[in-house]
Amino acid sequence: MKHAHVDGNGQILGWYDPQIHNDIPEPNYPVTDEVWQNAINNSHNTLISGKTSVADHRTLDQKTIDARTQRDALLTTIVDPIVTNPLRWGTMTSDEQQMWVNYRQALLDVPQQPGFPASISWPNKP
């Protein structure tokens, strides 16, 4: 038997084994070795009603920052090296260029999507 130390939202803060740990912080909940092993094997971070799962515990502000950071990284590492390079840009057909223009605009529009930042439909790279 193991113990999961959790916060008020069910986020697992640590795992404890009474055979190893003398002090187990509160609140904690006993779980079977099977539940514990499943949580470890699947990187579960939440315990609710005796079941573990993966949950996103980031705040709305953190989700927004993370999504914008990911979007900005796509722009600077994938799009900008193509659209700002006259040699690469010049070898593309007008249809290919338009696909990159559309992709870039779709990335810029990500924050305007309904449900942002909790639900994002990332555009496909041309």
Protein backbone atom coordinates (compact mmCIF):
# COMPACT_ATOMS: atom_id res chain seq x y z
CA MET A 1 0.00 0.00 0.00
CA LYS A 2 1.26 3.48 -0.96
CA HIS A 3 -0.04 6.93 -0.06
CA ALA A 4 -0.66 9.84 -2.41
CA HIS A 5 -0.21 13.31 -0.95
CA VAL A 6 -2.59 15.60 -2.86
CA ASP A 7 -3.69 19.22 -2.86
CA GLY A 8 -7.28 20.47 -2.78
CA ASN A 9 -7.68 19.91 -6.54
CA GLY A 10 -6.51 16.32 -6.45
CA GLN A 11 -3.10 17.15 -7.88
CA ILE A 12 -0.60 14.56 -6.69
CA LEU A 13 2.19 16.29 -4.79
CA GLY A 14 4.09 13.14 -3.88
CA TRP A 15 4.03 9.40 -3.33
CA TYR A 16 4.87 7.84 0.01
CA ASP A 17 5.51 4.31 1.19
CA PRO A 18 5.01 3.74 4.94
CA GLN A 19 7.79 1.14 4.81
CA ILE A 20 10.22 3.88 3.73
CA HIS A 21 8.75 7.16 4.99
CA ASN A 22 8.10 7.86 8.66
CA ASP A 23 6.20 11.09 8.06
CA ILE A 24 3.55 11.21 5.37
CA PRO A 25 2.11 14.71 4.79
CA GLU A 26 -1.61 15.39 4.96
CA PRO A 27 -3.87 15.13 3.19
CA ASN A 28 -2.92 11.73 1.86
CA TYR A 29 -4.90 8.84 0.52
CA PRO A 30 -3.95 5.17 0.53
CA VAL A 31 -3.80 3.50 -2.87
CA THR A 32 -3.10 -0.05 -3.89
CA ASP A 33 0.25 -0.94 -5.39
CA GLU A 34 -1.59 -1.54 -8.67
CA VAL A 35 -3.06 1.99 -8.71
CA TRP A 36 0.33 3.44 -7.74
CA GLN A 37 2.18 1.50 -10.46
CA ASN A 38 -0.38 2.49 -13.09
CA ALA A 39 -0.02 6.15 -12.09
CA ILE A 40 3.78 5.97 -12.27
CA ASN A 41 3.81 4.11 -15.60
CA ASN A 42 1.38 6.56 -17.20
CA SER A 43 2.67 9.82 -15.65
CA HIS A 44 -0.63 10.44 -13.90
CA ASN A 45 -0.68 13.60 -11.81
CA THR A 46 -4.19 13.56 -10.32
CA LEU A 47 -6.02 11.37 -7.81
CA ILE A 48 -9.79 11.71 -7.50
CA SER A 49 -12.08 9.11 -5.94
CA GLY A 50 -9.28 6.58 -5.81
CA LYS A 51 -8.51 6.83 -9.52
CA THR A 52 -5.47 8.45 -11.08
CA SER A 53 -5.39 10.37 -14.33
CA VAL A 54 -3.56 13.08 -16.22
CA ALA A 55 -4.94 16.58 -15.74
CA ASP A 56 -3.72 20.00 -16.75
CA HIS A 57 -3.35 22.00 -13.55
CA ARG A 58 -1.99 25.15 -15.19
CA THR A 59 -3.84 28.41 -14.61
CA LEU A 60 -5.59 30.14 -17.49
CA ASP A 61 -2.81 32.74 -17.55
CA GLN A 62 -0.15 30.01 -17.75
CA LYS A 63 -2.03 28.23 -20.54
CA THR A 64 -2.18 31.53 -22.44
CA ILE A 65 1.53 32.15 -21.99
CA ASP A 66 2.40 28.58 -23.01
CA ALA A 67 0.20 28.71 -26.13
CA ARG A 68 1.63 32.06 -27.24
CA THR A 69 5.16 30.78 -26.61
CA GLN A 70 4.49 27.71 -28.74
CA ARG A 71 2.94 29.84 -31.47
CA ASP A 72 5.87 32.28 -31.40
CA ALA A 73 8.36 29.39 -31.60
CA LEU A 74 6.60 28.05 -34.71
CA LEU A 75 6.75 31.49 -36.31
CA THR A 76 10.42 32.09 -35.55
CA THR A 77 11.76 28.59 -36.22
CA ILE A 78 9.61 27.40 -39.12
CA VAL A 79 7.79 30.24 -40.87
CA ASP A 80 10.17 33.20 -40.67
CA PRO A 81 13.22 31.35 -42.06
CA ILE A 82 11.16 30.59 -45.17
CA VAL A 83 9.15 33.76 -45.75
CA THR A 84 12.04 36.12 -44.95
CA ASN A 85 14.58 34.28 -47.11
CA PRO A 86 14.37 35.77 -50.63
CA LEU A 87 16.18 32.81 -52.20
CA ARG A 88 13.79 30.22 -50.76
CA TRP A 89 10.75 32.43 -51.27
CA GLY A 90 11.71 33.13 -54.87
CA THR A 91 11.85 29.44 -55.80
CA MET A 92 8.27 28.83 -54.68
CA THR A 93 5.23 29.02 -56.89
CA SER A 94 2.63 31.64 -56.06
CA ASP A 95 0.38 28.85 -54.71
CA GLU A 96 3.16 27.63 -52.39
CA GLN A 97 3.82 31.17 -51.24
CA GLN A 98 0.13 31.67 -50.52
CA MET A 99 0.05 28.47 -48.45
CA TRP A 100 2.87 29.87 -46.27
CA VAL A 101 1.14 33.25 -46.01
CA ASN A 102 -2.07 31.48 -44.92
CA TYR A 103 -0.19 29.31 -42.42
CA ARG A 104 1.53 32.33 -40.92
CA GLN A 105 -1.77 34.20 -40.61
CA ALA A 106 -3.46 31.15 -39.06
CA LEU A 107 -0.70 31.01 -36.43
CA LEU A 108 -1.15 34.71 -35.70
CA ASP A 109 -4.90 34.13 -35.35
CA VAL A 110 -4.57 31.29 -32.82
CA PRO A 111 -5.34 33.56 -29.82
CA GLN A 112 -8.64 34.61 -31.47
CA GLN A 113 -9.91 31.03 -31.72
CA PRO A 114 -13.01 30.20 -29.67
CA GLY A 115 -11.94 28.38 -26.53
CA PHE A 116 -8.37 29.74 -26.53
CA PRO A 117 -6.23 28.82 -24.64
CA ALA A 118 -7.97 25.72 -23.27
CA SER A 119 -8.76 24.38 -26.73
CA ILE A 120 -6.51 25.14 -29.70
CA SER A 121 -6.72 23.89 -33.26
CA TRP A 122 -3.16 24.25 -34.53
CA PRO A 123 -2.91 24.89 -38.28
CA ASN A 124 -1.11 22.37 -40.45
CA LYS A 125 2.27 23.34 -41.83
CA PRO A 126 2.30 23.51 -45.65
